[in-house]
Amino acid sequence: MLAEYISLEVIIGWLKEKKAENIRIYDVQEKCDYTDIVVVCEGSADVHNKAIANYIVEMAKKNNLRILSKEGIDYGHWVLLDIGDLIVHIFLPETRDYYNIDELLAKIAKRPVQENER
C-alpha cells in the first residue's frame, strides 16, 4: 500500500508538471476489483491532454512503472492510463462534465485521498 501512495504522489507531480487541472483522487479499493486509486484530471485542449498522457507514459517507463493499458491518446477527449493499482483519466472539461465521472466516483470511493477544488 505504501508503494502505491508513493507512486501516486509521483504521478500527481507529473500531472502538475504538465499543467493538468482540477485533479481529484478517489480511493476505490473497497468497491472496485481492478484498481485501488482513480485519478481524474483535465487539460485545456485535446493536444494538451495528449501531451499530459504521453508525458505520464514516458515518465512511467523511465521509473519502471508498468502501463498496463492506454486508451484515447489519439483523440485526447478522454484518455485512460491503467497503471495497475492506479488509473488516470484525463478529460477535456466538457467531456468530464458530460460523463459526470466525479459524481460516480464520489459515490463509490471510500474517501477522497485528495481533492483540488474546481
Protein backbone atom coordinates (compact mmCIF):
# COMPACT_ATOMS: atom_id res chain seq x y z
CA MET A 1 0.00 0.00 0.00
CA LEU A 2 2.78 2.48 0.82
CA ALA A 3 4.41 1.92 -2.56
CA GLU A 4 1.08 2.74 -4.26
CA TYR A 5 0.86 6.07 -2.47
CA ILE A 6 4.48 6.88 -3.30
CA SER A 7 3.64 6.17 -6.94
CA LEU A 8 0.50 8.26 -6.55
CA GLU A 9 2.47 11.24 -5.27
CA VAL A 10 4.95 10.92 -8.12
CA ILE A 11 2.21 10.66 -10.74
CA ILE A 12 0.38 13.67 -9.31
CA GLY A 13 3.67 15.56 -9.57
CA TRP A 14 3.97 14.58 -13.22
CA LEU A 15 0.40 15.74 -13.89
CA LYS A 16 1.16 19.08 -12.27
CA GLU A 17 4.38 19.44 -14.27
CA LYS A 18 2.29 19.27 -17.44
CA LYS A 19 -0.28 21.71 -16.02
CA ALA A 20 -3.15 19.23 -15.59
CA GLU A 21 -6.05 20.95 -13.86
CA ASN A 22 -8.82 20.02 -11.42
CA ILE A 23 -7.02 16.94 -10.16
CA ARG A 24 -9.16 14.71 -7.98
CA ILE A 25 -8.13 11.44 -6.39
CA TYR A 26 -10.51 8.69 -5.32
CA ASP A 27 -9.78 5.66 -3.12
CA VAL A 28 -11.95 2.89 -4.58
CA GLN A 29 -10.09 -0.17 -3.30
CA GLU A 30 -13.04 -1.49 -1.27
CA LYS A 31 -15.55 -1.11 -4.13
CA CYS A 32 -13.50 -1.94 -7.20
CA ASP A 33 -11.69 -5.16 -8.04
CA TYR A 34 -9.45 -3.84 -10.84
CA THR A 35 -7.81 -0.81 -9.20
CA ASP A 36 -7.31 0.90 -5.84
CA ILE A 37 -6.95 4.56 -6.78
CA VAL A 38 -8.56 6.60 -9.57
CA VAL A 39 -7.13 9.97 -10.54
CA VAL A 40 -9.28 12.31 -12.62
CA CYS A 41 -7.93 15.49 -14.18
CA GLU A 42 -8.33 17.66 -17.23
CA GLY A 43 -6.38 19.57 -19.79
CA SER A 44 -7.32 22.69 -21.70
CA ALA A 45 -7.44 21.09 -25.17
CA ASP A 46 -7.10 17.69 -26.84
CA VAL A 47 -3.46 18.46 -27.69
CA HIS A 48 -2.82 19.32 -24.03
CA ASN A 49 -4.40 16.02 -22.91
CA LYS A 50 -2.24 14.10 -25.38
CA ALA A 51 0.87 15.85 -24.05
CA ILE A 52 -0.10 15.06 -20.45
CA ALA A 53 -0.76 11.41 -21.27
CA ASN A 54 2.41 10.95 -23.32
CA TYR A 55 4.46 12.53 -20.53
CA ILE A 56 2.95 10.19 -17.92
CA VAL A 57 3.69 7.18 -20.15
CA GLU A 58 7.25 8.38 -20.79
CA MET A 59 7.96 9.09 -17.11
CA ALA A 60 6.38 5.81 -16.01
CA LYS A 61 8.69 3.89 -18.34
CA LYS A 62 11.73 5.82 -17.09
CA ASN A 63 10.74 4.98 -13.50
CA ASN A 64 9.93 1.30 -14.14
CA LEU A 65 6.17 1.73 -13.64
CA ARG A 66 4.29 -0.56 -15.96
CA ILE A 67 1.50 0.91 -18.08
CA LEU A 68 -0.98 -1.95 -18.49
CA SER A 69 -3.22 -0.12 -20.94
CA LYS A 70 -3.66 3.27 -22.55
CA GLU A 71 -6.77 4.36 -24.39
CA GLY A 72 -7.83 7.56 -26.10
CA ILE A 73 -4.42 9.16 -26.58
CA ASP A 74 -5.03 9.51 -30.33
CA TYR A 75 -8.09 11.71 -29.77
CA GLY A 76 -7.39 13.39 -26.44
CA HIS A 77 -11.01 13.96 -25.37
CA TRP A 78 -10.82 11.27 -22.69
CA VAL A 79 -7.56 9.45 -22.07
CA LEU A 80 -7.32 6.45 -19.75
CA LEU A 81 -3.99 5.18 -18.42
CA ASP A 82 -4.01 1.93 -16.44
CA ILE A 83 -1.00 1.73 -14.14
CA GLY A 84 -2.20 -1.34 -12.24
CA ASP A 85 -3.42 -0.26 -8.83
CA LEU A 86 -3.86 3.27 -10.17
CA ILE A 87 -5.99 4.50 -13.08
CA VAL A 88 -5.58 8.00 -14.55
CA HIS A 89 -8.40 9.66 -16.50
CA ILE A 90 -7.51 12.81 -18.44
CA PHE A 91 -10.53 14.69 -19.80
CA LEU A 92 -11.45 17.75 -21.72
CA PRO A 93 -13.59 19.82 -19.31
CA GLU A 94 -16.76 19.41 -21.37
CA THR A 95 -16.25 15.65 -21.70
CA ARG A 96 -15.68 15.34 -17.97
CA ASP A 97 -18.86 17.28 -17.29
CA TYR A 98 -20.84 15.22 -19.81
CA TYR A 99 -19.90 11.87 -18.26
CA ASN A 100 -20.03 13.24 -14.70
CA ILE A 101 -17.38 10.75 -13.62
CA ASP A 102 -16.59 12.67 -10.44
CA GLU A 103 -20.11 12.14 -9.10
CA LEU A 104 -19.92 8.41 -9.85
CA LEU A 105 -16.51 8.01 -8.23
CA ALA A 106 -17.51 10.09 -5.21
CA LYS A 107 -20.40 7.66 -4.61
CA ILE A 108 -18.20 4.57 -4.64
CA ALA A 109 -15.00 5.96 -3.13
CA LYS A 110 -14.15 5.02 0.43
CA ARG A 111 -12.90 8.54 0.88
CA PRO A 112 -11.26 11.13 -1.31
CA VAL A 113 -7.50 10.87 -0.87
CA GLN A 114 -7.10 14.45 -2.02
CA GLU A 115 -9.33 16.90 -3.77
CA ASN A 116 -8.37 20.08 -5.55
CA GLU A 117 -11.48 22.21 -5.91
CA ARG A 118 -12.62 23.46 -9.30
